[in-house]
Amino acid sequence: GGSMILALLSSLASAAPIVNGRLESEFPSTVALGADFNGYLFSACTGNLITPLIVLTAAHCGDEVPLEALVTYGVAFFGDDVNSAEEVIGMDDLIVHPEYRELGTEGAWDYGEYDVALLRLDEEASVEPTLFRTAPVSQEEQGTSLISVGFGITGANRSDSGVKRSADLILSSVQSMFLIVDSDDNDESSNICSGDSGGPMFHYN
């Protein structure tokens, strides 16, 4: 069957990195969001193409690079590695959810609210978009296997972002606004990390 995006990879995990993930060559709609500064390619976060022109990402992607700066200077890298991208497209507009509230504003375990942003590309991408799931996720779906895809770091080494990786994660719990993944539930404690924010979780049905 097809694949569906289940959730944004915001700061949903209760532990750190997408360690012990694997290099990923599939999921072409998943992109690295960053910039090209005179040949220095920088990946700040991850997104997913949901129409030929629109990339869905996390509003808190701007923790490291302001989202407004991504629109002015940023690009979306399509491919498996920002250093050998198959397509690089600039951005011309941004919409952050009007009720977005940053994570951590009400305590260490506060996930924030409405952590969603849309980026519009300068031109249509050549890859096929992946639509996201609109049906609610129920408590009965806990234990579901998800494929998390992102361009983030793998742990303590903060220089290895910009490469597409994936890991199989287990949906640990469901909240009204977030899907929670606990590294203790995953093989080799795989999980997401800095730079994976805004990336998708795929579920085959």
N, C-alpha and C. Protein backbone atom coordinates (compact mmCIF):
# COMPACT_ATOMS: atom_id res chain seq x y z
N GLY A 1 0.82 -1.19 0.00
CA GLY A 1 0.00 0.00 0.00
C GLY A 1 0.85 1.23 0.00
N GLY A 2 0.18 2.40 0.03
CA GLY A 2 0.89 3.66 0.03
C GLY A 2 1.43 3.99 1.39
N SER A 3 2.09 5.13 1.47
CA SER A 3 2.62 5.58 2.74
C SER A 3 1.93 6.86 3.14
N MET A 4 1.87 7.12 4.44
CA MET A 4 1.26 8.33 4.94
C MET A 4 2.17 8.94 5.98
N ILE A 5 2.20 10.25 6.02
CA ILE A 5 2.92 10.92 7.08
C ILE A 5 2.03 10.93 8.31
N LEU A 6 2.54 10.43 9.40
CA LEU A 6 1.74 10.41 10.62
C LEU A 6 1.94 11.66 11.46
N ALA A 7 3.14 12.22 11.49
CA ALA A 7 3.36 13.35 12.39
C ALA A 7 4.62 14.08 12.02
N LEU A 8 4.70 15.31 12.45
CA LEU A 8 5.95 16.04 12.36
C LEU A 8 6.90 15.49 13.42
N LEU A 9 8.17 15.48 13.08
CA LEU A 9 9.16 15.11 14.07
C LEU A 9 9.58 16.36 14.82
N SER A 10 8.74 16.81 15.68
CA SER A 10 9.11 17.92 16.54
C SER A 10 9.96 17.35 17.66
N SER A 11 9.97 17.98 18.81
CA SER A 11 10.71 17.42 19.93
C SER A 11 9.78 16.46 20.66
N LEU A 12 9.47 15.36 20.01
CA LEU A 12 8.48 14.45 20.55
C LEU A 12 9.10 13.31 21.34
N ALA A 13 10.39 13.15 21.21
CA ALA A 13 11.02 11.99 21.82
C ALA A 13 11.41 12.28 23.25
N SER A 14 11.42 11.24 24.07
CA SER A 14 11.80 11.44 25.46
C SER A 14 13.30 11.21 25.64
N ALA A 15 14.01 10.92 24.59
CA ALA A 15 15.46 10.79 24.66
C ALA A 15 16.05 11.30 23.36
N ALA A 16 17.36 11.39 23.30
CA ALA A 16 18.02 12.15 22.25
C ALA A 16 18.00 11.55 20.85
N PRO A 17 19.07 10.95 20.33
CA PRO A 17 19.31 11.05 18.90
C PRO A 17 18.74 9.96 18.03
N ILE A 18 18.74 10.24 16.70
CA ILE A 18 18.41 9.21 15.72
C ILE A 18 19.67 8.38 15.53
N VAL A 19 20.18 7.88 16.64
CA VAL A 19 21.36 7.03 16.61
C VAL A 19 20.97 5.66 16.10
N ASN A 20 21.95 4.97 15.58
CA ASN A 20 21.76 3.61 15.07
C ASN A 20 20.71 3.57 13.96
N GLY A 21 20.52 4.70 13.30
CA GLY A 21 19.68 4.71 12.12
C GLY A 21 20.45 4.18 10.93
N ARG A 22 19.81 4.18 9.79
CA ARG A 22 20.45 3.67 8.58
C ARG A 22 20.41 4.76 7.51
N LEU A 23 21.34 4.69 6.58
CA LEU A 23 21.30 5.59 5.45
C LEU A 23 20.04 5.30 4.66
N GLU A 24 19.39 6.34 4.15
CA GLU A 24 18.11 6.18 3.50
C GLU A 24 18.15 6.74 2.08
N SER A 25 17.73 5.93 1.11
CA SER A 25 17.70 6.39 -0.28
C SER A 25 16.29 6.49 -0.83
N GLU A 26 15.30 6.14 -0.01
CA GLU A 26 13.91 6.24 -0.44
C GLU A 26 13.30 7.54 0.12
N PHE A 27 11.99 7.65 0.06
CA PHE A 27 11.25 8.80 0.57
C PHE A 27 11.76 10.11 -0.04
N PRO A 28 11.68 10.24 -1.37
CA PRO A 28 12.23 11.44 -2.04
C PRO A 28 11.53 12.73 -1.67
N SER A 29 10.32 12.66 -1.11
CA SER A 29 9.62 13.89 -0.73
C SER A 29 10.18 14.50 0.54
N THR A 30 10.99 13.76 1.29
CA THR A 30 11.61 14.28 2.51
C THR A 30 12.84 15.09 2.15
N VAL A 31 12.90 16.34 2.63
CA VAL A 31 13.95 17.26 2.20
C VAL A 31 14.71 17.82 3.39
N ALA A 32 15.95 18.21 3.14
CA ALA A 32 16.72 18.97 4.12
C ALA A 32 16.47 20.45 3.88
N LEU A 33 16.24 21.18 4.94
CA LEU A 33 16.02 22.63 4.86
C LEU A 33 17.24 23.33 5.44
N GLY A 34 17.86 24.17 4.64
CA GLY A 34 19.07 24.82 5.10
C GLY A 34 19.46 25.93 4.15
N ALA A 35 20.75 26.08 3.90
CA ALA A 35 21.22 27.18 3.08
C ALA A 35 22.55 26.81 2.43
N ASP A 36 22.90 27.57 1.41
CA ASP A 36 24.19 27.47 0.73
C ASP A 36 24.88 28.81 0.90
N PHE A 37 25.84 28.85 1.82
CA PHE A 37 26.59 30.08 2.07
C PHE A 37 27.92 30.01 1.34
N ASN A 38 27.92 30.50 0.10
CA ASN A 38 29.14 30.50 -0.73
C ASN A 38 29.82 29.14 -0.76
N GLY A 39 29.03 28.11 -0.98
CA GLY A 39 29.58 26.77 -1.09
C GLY A 39 29.55 25.97 0.19
N TYR A 40 29.31 26.63 1.33
CA TYR A 40 29.16 25.91 2.59
C TYR A 40 27.69 25.53 2.73
N LEU A 41 27.41 24.25 2.62
CA LEU A 41 26.04 23.76 2.64
C LEU A 41 25.64 23.42 4.07
N PHE A 42 24.55 23.99 4.50
CA PHE A 42 24.12 23.85 5.89
C PHE A 42 22.72 23.30 5.95
N SER A 43 22.52 22.24 6.72
CA SER A 43 21.20 21.65 6.93
C SER A 43 20.74 21.97 8.34
N ALA A 44 19.61 22.69 8.46
CA ALA A 44 19.11 23.10 9.78
C ALA A 44 18.04 22.18 10.31
N CYS A 45 17.19 21.68 9.42
CA CYS A 45 16.08 20.85 9.85
C CYS A 45 15.56 20.07 8.65
N THR A 46 14.45 19.41 8.83
CA THR A 46 13.90 18.51 7.82
C THR A 46 12.47 18.92 7.53
N GLY A 47 12.00 18.62 6.33
CA GLY A 47 10.62 18.86 5.97
C GLY A 47 10.14 17.81 5.01
N ASN A 48 8.90 17.90 4.62
CA ASN A 48 8.35 16.95 3.65
C ASN A 48 7.47 17.68 2.65
N LEU A 49 7.68 17.41 1.38
CA LEU A 49 6.91 18.02 0.31
C LEU A 49 5.50 17.44 0.31
N ILE A 50 4.48 18.31 0.48
CA ILE A 50 3.10 17.82 0.53
C ILE A 50 2.29 18.27 -0.69
N THR A 51 2.78 19.24 -1.44
CA THR A 51 2.27 19.59 -2.76
C THR A 51 3.51 19.91 -3.58
N PRO A 52 3.39 20.08 -4.89
CA PRO A 52 4.61 20.40 -5.66
C PRO A 52 5.33 21.66 -5.20
N LEU A 53 4.62 22.56 -4.48
CA LEU A 53 5.22 23.82 -4.05
C LEU A 53 5.36 23.98 -2.54
N ILE A 54 4.72 23.13 -1.73
CA ILE A 54 4.63 23.36 -0.29
C ILE A 54 5.38 22.27 0.49
N VAL A 55 6.24 22.73 1.40
CA VAL A 55 6.96 21.84 2.32
C VAL A 55 6.39 22.04 3.72
N LEU A 56 6.01 20.94 4.35
CA LEU A 56 5.53 20.94 5.73
C LEU A 56 6.72 20.71 6.65
N THR A 57 6.86 21.54 7.69
CA THR A 57 7.95 21.37 8.63
C THR A 57 7.48 21.79 10.02
N ALA A 58 8.40 21.86 10.97
CA ALA A 58 8.07 22.27 12.34
C ALA A 58 8.33 23.76 12.50
N ALA A 59 7.45 24.44 13.22
CA ALA A 59 7.67 25.86 13.48
C ALA A 59 8.94 26.08 14.28
N HIS A 60 9.30 25.12 15.14
CA HIS A 60 10.50 25.31 15.95
C HIS A 60 11.76 25.00 15.18
N CYS A 61 11.63 24.69 13.90
CA CYS A 61 12.81 24.58 13.04
C CYS A 61 13.70 25.81 13.19
N GLY A 62 13.08 26.96 13.49
CA GLY A 62 13.83 28.20 13.65
C GLY A 62 14.64 28.29 14.91
N ASP A 63 14.72 27.23 15.72
CA ASP A 63 15.55 27.26 16.92
C ASP A 63 17.01 27.53 16.57
N GLU A 64 17.47 26.96 15.45
CA GLU A 64 18.87 27.14 15.06
C GLU A 64 19.01 28.22 13.99
N VAL A 65 18.09 28.27 13.06
CA VAL A 65 18.08 29.29 12.02
C VAL A 65 16.66 29.83 11.95
N PRO A 66 16.46 31.14 12.14
CA PRO A 66 15.10 31.68 12.08
C PRO A 66 14.41 31.30 10.76
N LEU A 67 13.15 30.88 10.87
CA LEU A 67 12.43 30.48 9.66
C LEU A 67 12.38 31.61 8.64
N GLU A 68 12.30 32.84 9.10
CA GLU A 68 12.29 33.97 8.17
C GLU A 68 13.60 34.01 7.38
N ALA A 69 14.71 33.65 8.03
CA ALA A 69 15.99 33.62 7.33
C ALA A 69 16.02 32.50 6.30
N LEU A 70 15.33 31.39 6.63
CA LEU A 70 15.25 30.31 5.65
C LEU A 70 14.56 30.78 4.38
N VAL A 71 13.52 31.60 4.53
CA VAL A 71 12.83 32.10 3.34
C VAL A 71 13.75 32.99 2.53
N THR A 72 14.49 33.86 3.20
CA THR A 72 15.35 34.82 2.50
C THR A 72 16.58 34.16 1.90
N TYR A 73 17.24 33.29 2.67
CA TYR A 73 18.52 32.74 2.26
C TYR A 73 18.49 31.23 2.02
N GLY A 74 17.41 30.59 2.43
CA GLY A 74 17.42 29.14 2.50
C GLY A 74 17.03 28.44 1.22
N VAL A 75 17.26 27.13 1.26
CA VAL A 75 16.91 26.25 0.15
C VAL A 75 16.41 24.93 0.70
N ALA A 76 15.70 24.22 -0.15
CA ALA A 76 15.32 22.84 0.15
C ALA A 76 16.20 21.94 -0.70
N PHE A 77 16.88 21.01 -0.04
CA PHE A 77 17.75 20.05 -0.72
C PHE A 77 16.98 18.76 -0.93
N PHE A 78 16.81 18.35 -2.18
CA PHE A 78 16.16 17.08 -2.51
C PHE A 78 17.24 16.06 -2.84
N GLY A 79 17.15 14.89 -2.24
CA GLY A 79 18.14 13.84 -2.47
C GLY A 79 18.54 13.22 -1.15
N ASP A 80 19.65 12.50 -1.17
CA ASP A 80 20.09 11.75 0.01
C ASP A 80 21.14 12.48 0.84
N ASP A 81 21.72 13.56 0.30
CA ASP A 81 22.83 14.25 0.96
C ASP A 81 22.85 15.68 0.43
N VAL A 82 22.96 16.65 1.33
CA VAL A 82 22.97 18.04 0.86
C VAL A 82 24.18 18.32 -0.03
N ASN A 83 25.26 17.57 0.14
CA ASN A 83 26.47 17.80 -0.67
C ASN A 83 26.37 17.22 -2.06
N SER A 84 25.36 16.41 -2.32
CA SER A 84 25.18 15.85 -3.66
C SER A 84 23.68 15.86 -4.00
N ALA A 85 23.02 16.98 -3.70
CA ALA A 85 21.58 17.07 -3.88
C ALA A 85 21.20 16.94 -5.36
N GLU A 86 20.09 16.26 -5.59
CA GLU A 86 19.60 16.10 -6.95
C GLU A 86 18.87 17.35 -7.43
N GLU A 87 18.33 18.11 -6.50
CA GLU A 87 17.60 19.33 -6.83
C GLU A 87 17.68 20.26 -5.63
N VAL A 88 17.91 21.54 -5.88
CA VAL A 88 18.00 22.54 -4.84
C VAL A 88 17.08 23.69 -5.23
N ILE A 89 16.10 23.99 -4.38
CA ILE A 89 15.10 25.00 -4.71
C ILE A 89 15.00 26.00 -3.56
N GLY A 90 14.97 27.28 -3.90
CA GLY A 90 14.81 28.33 -2.92
C GLY A 90 13.37 28.44 -2.44
N MET A 91 13.14 29.36 -1.51
CA MET A 91 11.81 29.53 -0.90
C MET A 91 11.37 30.97 -1.04
N ASP A 92 10.05 31.18 -1.12
CA ASP A 92 9.57 32.55 -1.25
C ASP A 92 8.48 32.94 -0.27
N ASP A 93 8.05 32.03 0.60
CA ASP A 93 7.04 32.42 1.58
C ASP A 93 7.01 31.42 2.73
N LEU A 94 6.43 31.85 3.83
CA LEU A 94 6.39 31.07 5.06
C LEU A 94 5.08 31.35 5.78
N ILE A 95 4.47 30.31 6.30
CA ILE A 95 3.32 30.47 7.19
C ILE A 95 3.57 29.60 8.42
N VAL A 96 3.57 30.23 9.59
CA VAL A 96 3.66 29.53 10.87
C VAL A 96 2.26 29.48 11.46
N HIS A 97 1.90 28.35 12.05
CA HIS A 97 0.57 28.24 12.66
C HIS A 97 0.35 29.42 13.60
N PRO A 98 -0.79 30.10 13.47
CA PRO A 98 -1.02 31.31 14.29
C PRO A 98 -1.08 31.05 15.79
N GLU A 99 -1.32 29.81 16.22
CA GLU A 99 -1.38 29.51 17.65
C GLU A 99 -0.13 28.76 18.13
N TYR A 100 0.94 28.82 17.33
CA TYR A 100 2.18 28.15 17.73
C TYR A 100 2.70 28.72 19.05
N ARG A 101 3.05 27.80 19.95
CA ARG A 101 3.70 28.14 21.20
C ARG A 101 4.94 27.29 21.34
N GLU A 102 6.08 27.95 21.60
CA GLU A 102 7.35 27.24 21.63
C GLU A 102 7.37 26.16 22.70
N LEU A 103 8.10 25.07 22.38
CA LEU A 103 8.25 24.02 23.38
C LEU A 103 9.11 24.54 24.53
N GLY A 104 8.84 24.02 25.72
CA GLY A 104 9.63 24.37 26.88
C GLY A 104 9.23 25.64 27.59
N THR A 105 8.21 26.34 27.11
CA THR A 105 7.82 27.60 27.76
C THR A 105 7.10 27.37 29.08
N GLU A 106 6.59 26.15 29.28
CA GLU A 106 5.89 25.85 30.54
C GLU A 106 6.53 24.69 31.29
N GLY A 107 7.84 24.54 31.13
CA GLY A 107 8.56 23.49 31.84
C GLY A 107 9.35 22.59 30.92
N ALA A 108 10.22 21.78 31.51
CA ALA A 108 11.15 20.96 30.74
C ALA A 108 10.45 19.95 29.84
N TRP A 109 9.29 19.42 30.25
CA TRP A 109 8.61 18.40 29.47
C TRP A 109 7.41 18.97 28.71
N ASP A 110 7.45 20.27 28.48
CA ASP A 110 6.38 20.93 27.73
C ASP A 110 6.70 20.86 26.24
N TYR A 111 5.80 20.25 25.46
CA TYR A 111 6.03 20.09 24.02
C TYR A 111 5.57 21.29 23.21
N GLY A 112 5.01 22.29 23.86
CA GLY A 112 4.49 23.43 23.12
C GLY A 112 3.16 23.08 22.47
N GLU A 113 2.75 23.91 21.50
CA GLU A 113 1.49 23.69 20.80
C GLU A 113 1.62 24.11 19.34
N TYR A 114 0.88 23.43 18.48
CA TYR A 114 0.76 23.78 17.06
C TYR A 114 2.12 24.05 16.42
N ASP A 115 3.02 23.11 16.60
CA ASP A 115 4.40 23.25 16.12
C ASP A 115 4.47 22.92 14.62
N VAL A 116 3.85 23.76 13.81
CA VAL A 116 3.68 23.49 12.38
C VAL A 116 4.00 24.74 11.58
N ALA A 117 4.71 24.56 10.47
CA ALA A 117 4.96 25.65 9.53
C ALA A 117 4.91 25.12 8.11
N LEU A 118 4.57 25.99 7.18
CA LEU A 118 4.57 25.67 5.76
C LEU A 118 5.53 26.61 5.05
N LEU A 119 6.36 26.05 4.18
CA LEU A 119 7.28 26.84 3.36
C LEU A 119 6.89 26.67 1.90
N ARG A 120 6.79 27.77 1.17
CA ARG A 120 6.48 27.69 -0.25
C ARG A 120 7.76 27.84 -1.06
N LEU A 121 7.95 26.92 -1.99
CA LEU A 121 9.15 26.92 -2.83
C LEU A 121 9.03 27.94 -3.95
N ASP A 122 10.19 28.34 -4.48
CA ASP A 122 10.24 29.26 -5.62
C ASP A 122 9.62 28.66 -6.87
N GLU A 123 9.76 27.35 -6.99
CA GLU A 123 9.27 26.65 -8.18
C GLU A 123 8.86 25.24 -7.79
N GLU A 124 8.06 24.62 -8.63
CA GLU A 124 7.59 23.27 -8.32
C GLU A 124 8.74 22.27 -8.32
N ALA A 125 8.74 21.39 -7.33
CA ALA A 125 9.74 20.33 -7.26
C ALA A 125 9.39 19.23 -8.26
N SER A 126 10.39 18.49 -8.69
CA SER A 126 10.16 17.43 -9.67
C SER A 126 9.74 16.12 -9.01
N VAL A 127 9.97 15.98 -7.69
CA VAL A 127 9.60 14.73 -7.02
C VAL A 127 8.12 14.76 -6.68
N GLU A 128 7.56 13.56 -6.50
CA GLU A 128 6.14 13.45 -6.17
C GLU A 128 5.92 13.77 -4.69
N PRO A 129 4.97 14.64 -4.38
CA PRO A 129 4.67 14.94 -2.97
C PRO A 129 4.07 13.73 -2.26
N THR A 130 4.14 13.74 -0.94
CA THR A 130 3.48 12.74 -0.11
C THR A 130 2.44 13.45 0.75
N LEU A 131 1.20 13.04 0.62
CA LEU A 131 0.15 13.64 1.43
C LEU A 131 0.27 13.18 2.88
N PHE A 132 -0.23 14.00 3.79
CA PHE A 132 -0.17 13.63 5.20
C PHE A 132 -1.53 13.12 5.65
N ARG A 133 -1.50 12.33 6.68
CA ARG A 133 -2.71 11.76 7.24
C ARG A 133 -3.54 12.85 7.92
N THR A 134 -4.83 12.85 7.64
CA THR A 134 -5.72 13.83 8.27
C THR A 134 -6.60 13.20 9.35
N ALA A 135 -6.74 11.89 9.33
CA ALA A 135 -7.56 11.23 10.35
C ALA A 135 -6.84 11.24 11.69
N PRO A 136 -7.58 11.41 12.79
CA PRO A 136 -6.95 11.37 14.12
C PRO A 136 -6.27 10.02 14.37
N VAL A 137 -5.23 10.06 15.16
CA VAL A 137 -4.55 8.83 15.60
C VAL A 137 -5.13 8.46 16.95
N SER A 138 -5.57 7.22 17.08
CA SER A 138 -6.23 6.80 18.31
C SER A 138 -5.26 6.13 19.28
N GLN A 139 -5.67 6.03 20.53
CA GLN A 139 -4.87 5.35 21.54
C GLN A 139 -4.63 3.89 21.17
N GLU A 140 -5.57 3.31 20.42
CA GLU A 140 -5.44 1.90 20.02
C GLU A 140 -4.26 1.69 19.07
N GLU A 141 -3.72 2.74 18.49
CA GLU A 141 -2.61 2.61 17.56
C GLU A 141 -1.24 2.62 18.24
N GLN A 142 -1.23 2.72 19.57
CA GLN A 142 0.04 2.59 20.28
C GLN A 142 0.66 1.25 19.94
N GLY A 143 1.98 1.25 19.77
CA GLY A 143 2.68 0.04 19.37
C GLY A 143 2.88 -0.07 17.87
N THR A 144 2.30 0.87 17.11
CA THR A 144 2.46 0.87 15.66
C THR A 144 3.91 1.16 15.29
N SER A 145 4.41 0.48 14.26
CA SER A 145 5.76 0.71 13.77
C SER A 145 5.76 1.85 12.76
N LEU A 146 6.63 2.82 12.97
CA LEU A 146 6.76 3.99 12.11
C LEU A 146 8.17 4.04 11.53
N ILE A 147 8.31 4.68 10.39
CA ILE A 147 9.63 4.92 9.82
C ILE A 147 9.88 6.42 9.92
N SER A 148 10.86 6.79 10.71
CA SER A 148 11.23 8.18 10.89
C SER A 148 12.35 8.53 9.92
N VAL A 149 12.20 9.64 9.21
CA VAL A 149 13.19 10.05 8.21
C VAL A 149 13.63 11.47 8.50
N GLY A 150 14.95 11.70 8.51
CA GLY A 150 15.44 13.05 8.77
C GLY A 150 16.88 13.23 8.36
N PHE A 151 17.33 14.48 8.39
CA PHE A 151 18.68 14.86 7.98
C PHE A 151 19.51 15.32 9.17
N GLY A 152 19.15 14.92 10.38
CA GLY A 152 19.81 15.43 11.57
C GLY A 152 21.11 14.71 11.90
N ILE A 153 21.67 15.12 13.03
CA ILE A 153 22.90 14.51 13.52
C ILE A 153 22.60 13.13 14.10
N THR A 154 23.63 12.35 14.36
CA THR A 154 23.44 11.00 14.89
C THR A 154 23.78 10.89 16.37
N GLY A 155 24.14 11.98 16.99
CA GLY A 155 24.47 11.93 18.41
C GLY A 155 25.42 13.04 18.77
N ALA A 156 26.50 12.70 19.45
CA ALA A 156 27.44 13.71 19.92
C ALA A 156 28.17 14.41 18.78
N ASN A 157 28.35 13.72 17.66
CA ASN A 157 29.04 14.32 16.52
C ASN A 157 28.08 15.29 15.82
N ARG A 158 28.27 16.57 16.02
CA ARG A 158 27.36 17.57 15.48
C ARG A 158 27.72 17.98 14.05
N SER A 159 28.67 17.30 13.43
CA SER A 159 29.09 17.66 12.08
C SER A 159 28.55 16.70 11.02
N ASP A 160 27.71 15.74 11.44
CA ASP A 160 27.28 14.74 10.45
C ASP A 160 25.83 14.92 10.03
N SER A 161 25.30 16.13 10.13
CA SER A 161 23.95 16.38 9.63
C SER A 161 24.00 16.55 8.12
N GLY A 162 22.81 16.60 7.52
CA GLY A 162 22.74 16.81 6.07
C GLY A 162 22.71 15.53 5.26
N VAL A 163 22.68 14.39 5.93
CA VAL A 163 22.59 13.09 5.26
C VAL A 163 21.26 12.46 5.65
N LYS A 164 20.52 11.96 4.68
CA LYS A 164 19.21 11.36 4.97
C LYS A 164 19.39 10.01 5.63
N ARG A 165 18.76 9.88 6.79
CA ARG A 165 18.79 8.62 7.53
C ARG A 165 17.38 8.28 7.97
N SER A 166 17.18 7.02 8.33
CA SER A 166 15.87 6.60 8.82
C SER A 166 16.06 5.59 9.94
N ALA A 167 15.00 5.41 10.70
CA ALA A 167 15.00 4.42 11.77
C ALA A 167 13.57 3.97 11.99
N ASP A 168 13.42 2.72 12.40
CA ASP A 168 12.10 2.20 12.75
C ASP A 168 11.82 2.56 14.20
N LEU A 169 10.72 3.24 14.41
CA LEU A 169 10.34 3.67 15.75
C LEU A 169 8.97 3.10 16.10
N ILE A 170 8.73 2.96 17.38
CA ILE A 170 7.46 2.45 17.88
C ILE A 170 6.68 3.61 18.49
N LEU A 171 5.42 3.74 18.11
CA LEU A 171 4.56 4.76 18.69
C LEU A 171 4.25 4.38 20.13
N SER A 172 4.80 5.14 21.08
CA SER A 172 4.68 4.79 22.49
C SER A 172 3.39 5.28 23.11
N SER A 173 2.98 6.50 22.76
CA SER A 173 1.75 7.04 23.32
C SER A 173 1.21 8.14 22.41
N VAL A 174 -0.06 8.43 22.60
CA VAL A 174 -0.76 9.42 21.78
C VAL A 174 -1.31 10.51 22.68
N GLN A 175 -0.97 11.77 22.38
CA GLN A 175 -1.55 12.90 23.08
C GLN A 175 -2.48 13.64 22.13
N SER A 176 -3.15 14.64 22.63
CA SER A 176 -4.11 15.37 21.80
C SER A 176 -3.44 16.05 20.61
N MET A 177 -2.17 16.43 20.77
CA MET A 177 -1.50 17.17 19.70
C MET A 177 -0.23 16.49 19.20
N PHE A 178 0.31 15.54 19.93
CA PHE A 178 1.59 14.94 19.58
C PHE A 178 1.54 13.42 19.66
N LEU A 179 2.37 12.80 18.81
CA LEU A 179 2.66 11.38 18.93
C LEU A 179 3.99 11.26 19.65
N ILE A 180 4.06 10.41 20.65
CA ILE A 180 5.24 10.31 21.50
C ILE A 180 6.00 9.02 21.16
N VAL A 181 7.31 9.17 21.01
CA VAL A 181 8.19 8.03 20.76
C VAL A 181 9.22 7.99 21.88
N ASP A 182 9.37 6.84 22.52
CA ASP A 182 10.32 6.65 23.61
C ASP A 182 11.46 5.77 23.11
N SER A 183 12.68 6.25 23.22
CA SER A 183 13.82 5.49 22.69
C SER A 183 13.93 4.11 23.33
N ASP A 184 13.45 3.96 24.56
CA ASP A 184 13.53 2.66 25.23
C ASP A 184 12.70 1.59 24.51
N ASP A 185 11.73 2.02 23.71
CA ASP A 185 10.88 1.07 23.00
C ASP A 185 11.45 0.64 21.65
N ASN A 186 12.55 1.26 21.22
CA ASN A 186 13.07 1.03 19.87
C ASN A 186 14.35 0.22 19.88
N ASP A 187 14.57 -0.54 18.81
CA ASP A 187 15.81 -1.31 18.68
C ASP A 187 17.01 -0.38 18.77
N GLU A 188 17.98 -0.74 19.57
CA GLU A 188 19.21 0.02 19.76
C GLU A 188 18.94 1.47 20.17
N SER A 189 17.80 1.70 20.81
CA SER A 189 17.42 3.03 21.30
C SER A 189 17.40 4.09 20.21
N SER A 190 17.05 3.70 19.00
CA SER A 190 16.97 4.68 17.90
C SER A 190 15.95 5.75 18.23
N ASN A 191 16.23 6.97 17.79
CA ASN A 191 15.30 8.06 17.99
C ASN A 191 15.72 9.26 17.16
N ILE A 192 14.96 10.36 17.27
CA ILE A 192 15.26 11.55 16.50
C ILE A 192 16.22 12.45 17.24
N CYS A 193 16.78 13.44 16.53
CA CYS A 193 17.76 14.33 17.14
C CYS A 193 17.74 15.68 16.44
N SER A 194 18.61 16.57 16.85
CA SER A 194 18.70 17.90 16.27
C SER A 194 18.91 17.82 14.76
N GLY A 195 18.11 18.57 14.03
CA GLY A 195 18.18 18.55 12.57
C GLY A 195 17.11 17.68 11.93
N ASP A 196 16.48 16.80 12.74
CA ASP A 196 15.39 15.98 12.23
C ASP A 196 14.05 16.69 12.38
N SER A 197 14.02 17.79 13.11
CA SER A 197 12.78 18.50 13.38
C SER A 197 12.05 18.83 12.09
N GLY A 198 10.75 18.59 12.11
CA GLY A 198 9.92 18.87 10.94
C GLY A 198 9.84 17.73 9.97
N GLY A 199 10.66 16.71 10.17
CA GLY A 199 10.64 15.56 9.27
C GLY A 199 9.46 14.65 9.54
N PRO A 200 9.16 13.77 8.61
CA PRO A 200 7.97 12.93 8.72
C PRO A 200 8.22 11.60 9.41
N MET A 201 7.14 11.02 9.87
CA MET A 201 7.09 9.60 10.22
C MET A 201 6.16 8.95 9.22
N PHE A 202 6.62 7.89 8.59
CA PHE A 202 5.82 7.19 7.60
C PHE A 202 5.24 5.91 8.20
N HIS A 203 4.05 5.60 7.74
CA HIS A 203 3.37 4.38 8.18
C HIS A 203 2.77 3.72 6.96
N TYR A 204 3.13 2.47 6.72
CA TYR A 204 2.56 1.72 5.61
C TYR A 204 1.27 1.04 6.05
N ASN A 205 0.25 1.14 5.21
CA ASN A 205 -1.00 0.48 5.55
C ASN A 205 -1.53 -0.31 4.37
